[in-house]
Protein backbone atom coordinates (compact mmCIF):
# COMPACT_ATOMS: atom_id res chain seq x y z
CA MET A 1 54.46 90.58 105.05
CA LYS A 2 53.77 88.80 101.24
CA VAL A 3 56.10 89.54 99.10
CA ILE A 4 56.07 88.26 95.34
CA ILE A 5 59.00 88.33 93.57
CA ASP A 6 59.28 90.38 90.42
CA GLU A 7 61.49 90.51 87.36
CA LYS A 8 64.53 92.34 88.07
CA ASN A 9 65.07 89.58 91.34
CA VAL A 10 64.63 86.43 89.13
CA GLY A 11 68.18 84.23 89.72
CA ALA A 12 68.60 86.40 93.05
CA ARG A 13 69.30 85.19 96.86
CA LEU A 14 67.00 84.14 98.79
CA ASP A 15 67.67 86.78 101.44
CA LYS A 16 69.12 89.14 98.74
CA ALA A 17 65.60 89.73 96.88
CA LEU A 18 63.88 89.93 99.76
CA SER A 19 65.99 92.76 101.02
CA THR A 20 65.69 94.69 97.84
CA GLN A 21 62.33 94.39 97.78
CA THR A 22 61.14 95.38 100.69
CA LYS A 23 64.28 97.71 102.09
CA LEU A 24 64.97 95.64 105.28
CA SER A 25 68.10 94.76 106.55
CA ARG A 26 69.57 91.95 105.09
CA THR A 27 70.99 90.55 108.19
CA LEU A 28 67.27 90.61 110.02
CA LEU A 29 65.79 88.50 106.59
CA THR A 30 68.81 85.97 107.50
CA GLU A 31 68.04 85.87 110.52
CA LEU A 32 64.33 85.00 109.96
CA ILE A 33 65.49 82.67 107.02
CA ARG A 34 67.52 80.90 109.29
CA GLY A 35 64.51 80.39 112.19
CA ASP A 36 62.43 78.71 109.36
CA LYS A 37 59.72 81.65 109.78
CA VAL A 38 59.88 82.48 105.93
CA THR A 39 57.85 80.39 103.61
CA VAL A 40 58.36 80.30 99.77
CA ASN A 41 54.83 79.35 98.04
CA ASP A 42 54.51 77.52 102.05
CA ASN A 43 57.52 75.87 101.73
CA ILE A 44 60.70 76.71 104.05
CA LYS A 45 63.77 77.75 101.85
CA LYS A 46 67.14 78.25 103.09
CA ALA A 47 68.92 81.66 102.16
CA LYS A 48 70.56 80.25 99.34
CA TYR A 49 67.83 79.34 97.69
CA LYS A 50 67.50 81.29 94.06
CA VAL A 51 64.25 83.11 93.55
CA LEU A 52 62.01 82.45 90.63
CA LEU A 53 59.85 84.92 89.04
CA GLY A 54 56.09 84.68 90.52
CA ASP A 55 57.50 83.07 94.08
CA VAL A 56 54.77 84.14 96.80
CA ILE A 57 57.23 84.67 100.38
CA GLU A 58 54.92 84.99 103.16
CA PHE A 59 57.36 85.85 106.48
CA LYS A 60 56.13 88.27 109.69
CA VAL A 61 58.74 91.43 110.72
CA PRO A 62 58.91 91.00 114.58
CA GLU A 63 57.73 93.70 116.68
CA ALA A 64 60.43 95.72 117.84
CA GLU A 65 61.38 95.09 121.55
CA VAL A 66 60.61 97.58 124.42
CA LEU A 67 64.16 99.87 124.92
CA ASN A 68 65.15 98.85 129.06
CA ILE A 69 68.78 99.23 128.49
CA MET A 70 69.84 102.83 130.42
CA ALA A 71 72.94 104.62 128.80
CA GLU A 72 75.31 105.25 131.55
CA ASP A 73 77.67 108.19 131.49
CA ILE A 74 81.12 105.62 131.33
CA PRO A 75 84.35 107.03 130.05
CA LEU A 76 84.90 105.64 126.85
CA ASP A 77 88.39 105.88 124.94
CA ILE A 78 86.44 106.72 121.38
CA ILE A 79 89.71 106.27 119.21
CA TYR A 80 87.77 107.30 116.01
CA GLU A 81 84.66 108.78 115.19
CA ASP A 82 82.53 109.68 111.84
CA SER A 83 78.92 109.69 110.56
CA ASP A 84 78.89 105.93 109.86
CA LEU A 85 80.76 104.38 112.73
CA ALA A 86 83.54 104.46 115.83
CA VAL A 87 86.38 102.54 116.77
CA ILE A 88 86.54 102.04 120.71
CA ASN A 89 89.70 101.12 122.32
CA LYS A 90 87.75 98.92 125.04
CA PRO A 91 89.92 98.83 128.16
CA GLN A 92 90.24 94.80 130.04
CA GLY A 93 87.74 93.65 132.18
CA MET A 94 84.47 95.76 130.09
CA VAL A 95 81.39 93.20 129.01
CA VAL A 96 80.22 94.40 125.27
CA HIS A 97 77.22 94.42 125.63
CA PRO A 98 74.49 93.54 128.46
CA SER A 99 73.34 90.01 129.15
CA ASN A 100 72.67 87.90 131.87
CA GLY A 101 74.28 89.25 135.39
CA HIS A 102 75.41 92.56 132.98
CA SER A 103 72.72 94.68 133.04
CA SER A 104 74.67 97.54 133.15
CA GLY A 105 78.52 98.97 133.10
CA THR A 106 78.88 97.22 129.73
CA LEU A 107 80.18 98.89 126.17
CA VAL A 108 76.53 99.59 124.91
CA ASN A 109 75.54 100.94 128.13
CA ALA A 110 78.51 103.63 127.39
CA LEU A 111 77.46 103.54 123.44
CA MET A 112 74.41 104.98 124.47
CA TYR A 113 75.03 107.90 126.73
CA GLN A 114 78.23 108.91 124.56
CA ILE A 115 77.37 108.37 121.01
CA LYS A 116 73.06 107.22 120.95
CA ASP A 117 73.02 107.56 116.82
CA LEU A 118 73.46 103.89 116.49
CA SER A 119 72.64 100.42 114.11
CA THR A 120 69.85 98.65 115.26
CA ILE A 121 70.28 96.20 112.82
CA ASN A 122 70.98 93.41 116.52
CA GLY A 123 68.62 94.89 118.73
CA VAL A 124 68.09 97.17 121.60
CA VAL A 125 70.61 94.64 123.12
CA ARG A 126 73.41 95.03 121.62
CA PRO A 127 72.84 98.54 119.14
CA GLY A 128 76.12 98.99 117.01
CA ILE A 129 77.79 96.41 118.07
CA VAL A 130 79.02 94.66 114.59
CA HIS A 131 81.56 92.23 116.32
CA ARG A 132 82.63 91.80 119.94
CA ILE A 133 86.12 90.96 121.70
CA ASP A 134 85.80 89.25 125.36
CA LYS A 135 85.30 90.81 128.47
CA ASP A 136 89.13 90.05 129.55
CA THR A 137 90.23 91.50 126.74
CA SER A 138 91.30 94.62 126.02
CA GLY A 139 91.81 96.56 122.38
CA LEU A 140 89.96 97.59 119.47
CA LEU A 141 86.52 97.22 117.75
CA MET A 142 84.05 99.08 115.29
CA VAL A 143 80.99 100.07 115.75
CA ALA A 144 78.12 101.14 113.27
CA LYS A 145 75.66 104.21 113.75
CA ASN A 146 73.61 103.32 111.18
CA ASP A 147 72.09 100.21 109.28
CA LYS A 148 73.80 100.33 106.29
CA ALA A 149 77.06 100.77 107.64
CA HIS A 150 76.86 97.93 110.09
CA GLU A 151 75.83 95.92 106.70
CA SER A 152 79.10 97.14 105.30
CA LEU A 153 80.98 95.81 108.61
CA ALA A 154 79.68 93.47 108.59
CA ALA A 155 80.01 92.17 105.55
CA GLN A 156 84.11 93.09 105.23
CA LEU A 157 84.00 90.78 108.26
CA LYS A 158 82.72 87.99 106.54
CA ASP A 159 84.33 88.20 103.54
CA GLN A 160 87.78 88.31 105.88
CA LYS A 161 88.82 91.93 104.29
CA ASN A 162 89.48 93.68 107.90
CA LYS A 163 92.92 93.40 109.22
CA ARG A 164 92.76 92.21 112.87
CA ARG A 165 95.98 92.24 114.79
CA TYR A 166 96.04 90.66 118.90
CA LEU A 167 98.77 91.10 120.90
CA ALA A 168 99.39 87.77 123.35
CA ILE A 169 101.32 86.88 126.10
CA VAL A 170 101.11 82.98 125.83
CA HIS A 171 102.54 80.04 128.14
CA GLY A 172 105.79 78.34 126.88
CA ILE A 173 108.72 78.85 124.25
CA ILE A 174 106.98 78.64 120.70
CA GLU A 175 110.51 77.56 118.66
CA LYS A 176 109.16 78.58 115.29
CA ASP A 177 109.00 82.12 114.45
CA HIS A 178 105.92 81.67 112.26
CA GLY A 179 102.78 79.16 112.41
CA THR A 180 99.21 78.81 111.38
CA ILE A 181 96.56 77.17 113.17
CA ASP A 182 93.88 76.37 110.51
CA ALA A 183 91.15 74.22 113.19
CA PRO A 184 87.66 74.13 113.37
CA ILE A 185 85.90 75.65 116.52
CA GLY A 186 83.41 74.74 117.81
CA ARG A 187 80.90 74.28 120.84
CA ASN A 188 83.21 71.74 123.76
CA PRO A 189 80.85 68.81 123.70
CA LYS A 190 81.46 68.37 127.56
CA ASP A 191 81.58 71.75 128.47
CA ARG A 192 78.77 74.49 127.68
CA LEU A 193 81.04 77.92 128.86
CA ARG A 194 83.55 76.66 126.27
CA GLN A 195 84.65 76.38 122.81
CA ALA A 196 86.73 73.52 121.75
CA VAL A 197 88.61 72.70 118.20
CA VAL A 198 86.19 69.69 117.21
CA ALA A 199 85.58 68.23 114.18
CA GLY A 200 82.85 69.50 112.12
CA GLY A 201 83.46 73.07 114.31
CA LYS A 202 83.06 76.18 111.61
CA SER A 203 86.53 76.46 110.13
CA ALA A 204 89.19 79.01 111.75
CA VAL A 205 92.20 80.49 111.18
CA THR A 206 94.67 81.98 113.09
CA ARG A 207 98.12 82.87 112.14
CA PHE A 208 100.87 83.86 114.64
CA GLU A 209 104.51 85.84 114.27
CA VAL A 210 106.79 85.23 117.63
CA LEU A 211 107.73 88.68 118.42
CA GLU A 212 109.90 87.71 122.12
CA ARG A 213 110.32 84.96 123.97
CA PHE A 214 111.21 85.41 127.33
CA PRO A 215 112.81 81.99 129.11
CA SER A 216 112.55 80.34 132.76
CA GLY A 217 116.29 79.45 132.71
CA HIS A 218 114.81 75.83 134.05
CA GLY A 219 114.54 74.01 130.71
CA SER A 220 110.95 74.23 130.44
CA GLY A 221 108.49 76.73 131.26
CA GLY A 222 108.71 80.42 129.98
CA PHE A 223 106.43 82.74 128.08
CA THR A 224 105.99 84.12 124.42
CA LEU A 225 104.97 87.53 123.53
CA VAL A 226 102.96 86.61 120.19
CA ALA A 227 101.45 88.71 117.27
CA CYS A 228 98.05 86.98 116.16
CA ARG A 229 96.53 87.64 113.00
CA LEU A 230 92.63 86.65 113.00
CA GLU A 231 91.69 85.06 109.39
CA THR A 232 87.83 84.24 110.85
CA GLY A 233 86.42 85.25 113.90
CA ARG A 234 85.04 82.74 116.09
CA THR A 235 84.21 82.76 119.42
CA HIS A 236 87.44 82.81 121.79
CA GLN A 237 89.37 81.93 118.44
CA ILE A 238 92.78 82.55 119.36
CA ARG A 239 92.26 81.70 123.20
CA VAL A 240 91.49 78.19 121.82
CA HIS A 241 93.61 78.22 119.17
CA MET A 242 96.77 78.85 121.25
CA ALA A 243 95.33 76.06 124.12
CA TYR A 244 95.07 73.45 121.21
CA ILE A 245 99.15 74.29 120.37
CA LYS A 246 100.06 73.67 124.28
CA HIS A 247 100.61 77.43 124.56
CA PRO A 248 97.61 78.73 125.87
CA ILE A 249 97.05 82.33 126.92
CA ALA A 250 98.97 83.93 130.27
CA GLY A 251 95.85 84.75 132.83
CA ASP A 252 93.06 82.80 130.68
CA SER A 253 91.03 81.23 133.42
CA LEU A 254 89.39 79.58 130.94
CA TYR A 255 91.59 77.81 128.81
CA GLY A 256 94.90 77.42 130.57
CA PRO A 257 96.29 76.92 133.45
CA LEU A 258 95.74 78.05 137.13
CA LYS A 259 99.53 79.07 137.66
CA THR A 260 100.29 81.67 135.59
CA LEU A 261 101.38 85.57 135.55
CA ILE A 262 100.62 87.92 138.34
CA PRO A 263 98.84 90.27 138.61
CA ASN A 264 96.49 87.87 136.69
CA ARG A 265 93.13 90.40 136.13
CA GLY A 266 92.67 88.21 132.67
CA GLN A 267 93.91 87.08 129.97
CA PHE A 268 96.97 89.14 128.48
CA LEU A 269 95.51 89.68 124.90
CA HIS A 270 94.99 92.86 123.19
CA ALA A 271 93.31 93.65 119.88
CA GLU A 272 95.94 95.65 118.79
CA THR A 273 95.16 97.20 115.03
CA LEU A 274 92.20 97.16 113.87
CA GLY A 275 92.31 97.81 109.24
CA LEU A 276 88.44 98.53 107.67
CA LYS A 277 86.99 99.94 104.62
CA GLN A 278 85.10 102.93 105.29
CA PRO A 279 81.01 102.71 104.37
CA THR A 280 80.51 105.44 102.37
CA THR A 281 84.35 106.79 101.08
CA GLY A 282 85.23 103.06 100.95
CA GLU A 283 88.53 105.13 102.17
CA GLU A 284 91.00 102.34 103.97
CA MET A 285 91.29 102.88 107.20
CA GLU A 286 93.50 101.08 109.65
CA PHE A 287 94.21 101.94 113.60
CA LYS A 288 96.25 100.84 116.74
CA ALA A 289 95.64 101.05 120.57
CA GLU A 290 98.98 100.96 122.71
CA LEU A 291 99.01 97.99 124.98
CA PRO A 292 97.36 98.48 128.56
CA GLU A 293 99.43 99.82 131.71
CA ILE A 294 98.95 96.00 133.29
CA PHE A 295 100.13 94.15 129.33
CA LYS A 296 103.57 96.49 129.09
CA ASN A 297 104.37 96.70 132.73
CA THR A 298 104.25 92.73 132.06
CA ILE A 299 106.52 92.72 129.85
CA LYS A 300 108.70 94.81 131.26
CA SER A 301 108.85 92.69 134.30
CA LEU A 302 109.20 89.29 131.97
CA ARG A 303 112.32 91.03 129.77
CA ASN A 304 114.25 92.36 133.33
CA LYS A 305 113.97 88.15 134.32
CA LYS A 306 115.63 87.19 130.72
CA HIS A 307 118.65 89.66 131.21
CA GLN A 308 119.15 88.20 135.31
CA ILE A 309 119.54 85.10 133.72
CA GLY A 310 121.25 85.50 130.53
């Protein structure tokens, strides 16, 4: 495809100008630019390049992939739904989208059966998926039903305008009632399956508040119930940050100790609150999801032990 910049778009960013003149998704165009698949006057430019009148921009729109993912009749806890979006309470143990080793039983398989109309920005493997939470994290995530809504919700995440509050049980007793973890996150250079706090990583900020402490009665150990608020959305962010301050999330086999809370079916991390702006109306919306039974029962057990100690 060839695009020649007109007067209306002079001075705009490359990705925005292309989106305006072609009506293609800005997300798709950004991916093409990052992949060096877009040329400006036969030269590679970054998305932030300010276009000039008469710039000749060329790129090839990739052909649509053949959809091989099957819709599956899997029950979903749909907290809210309108013509633009849906808010889902994902159970612990469910993978968000198909990948190697997880071709079925995912949230996407269920969405394709339950909702059908989903945004196409993230391709056929992740239709409607604006953001993810880990397989063994439970709780809320938003799903886009059309591309315009997807771009609006994705922009809210990028601009840190969403309210995202998580509850977690972590190892050890956190003495401070509040804290902020501001530490960059990137891939662990020694283990590609893990993320880590690394120099040169992407900016990551997590704020936490202690809700309840559960001492062990032996002068060390114990657990703490915390609420975490995300200001950024890096892969495994809360899990990495809590491990970084020596309070890994209970049940986290990747970043925490082997000896942890029982039953150990995954990390005790729950996306409890999600705030967003409705893409069409601009209405501020907020949703909450109750803790899973295993989480509530574990807190109850820890409280009983604390009272016995006391």
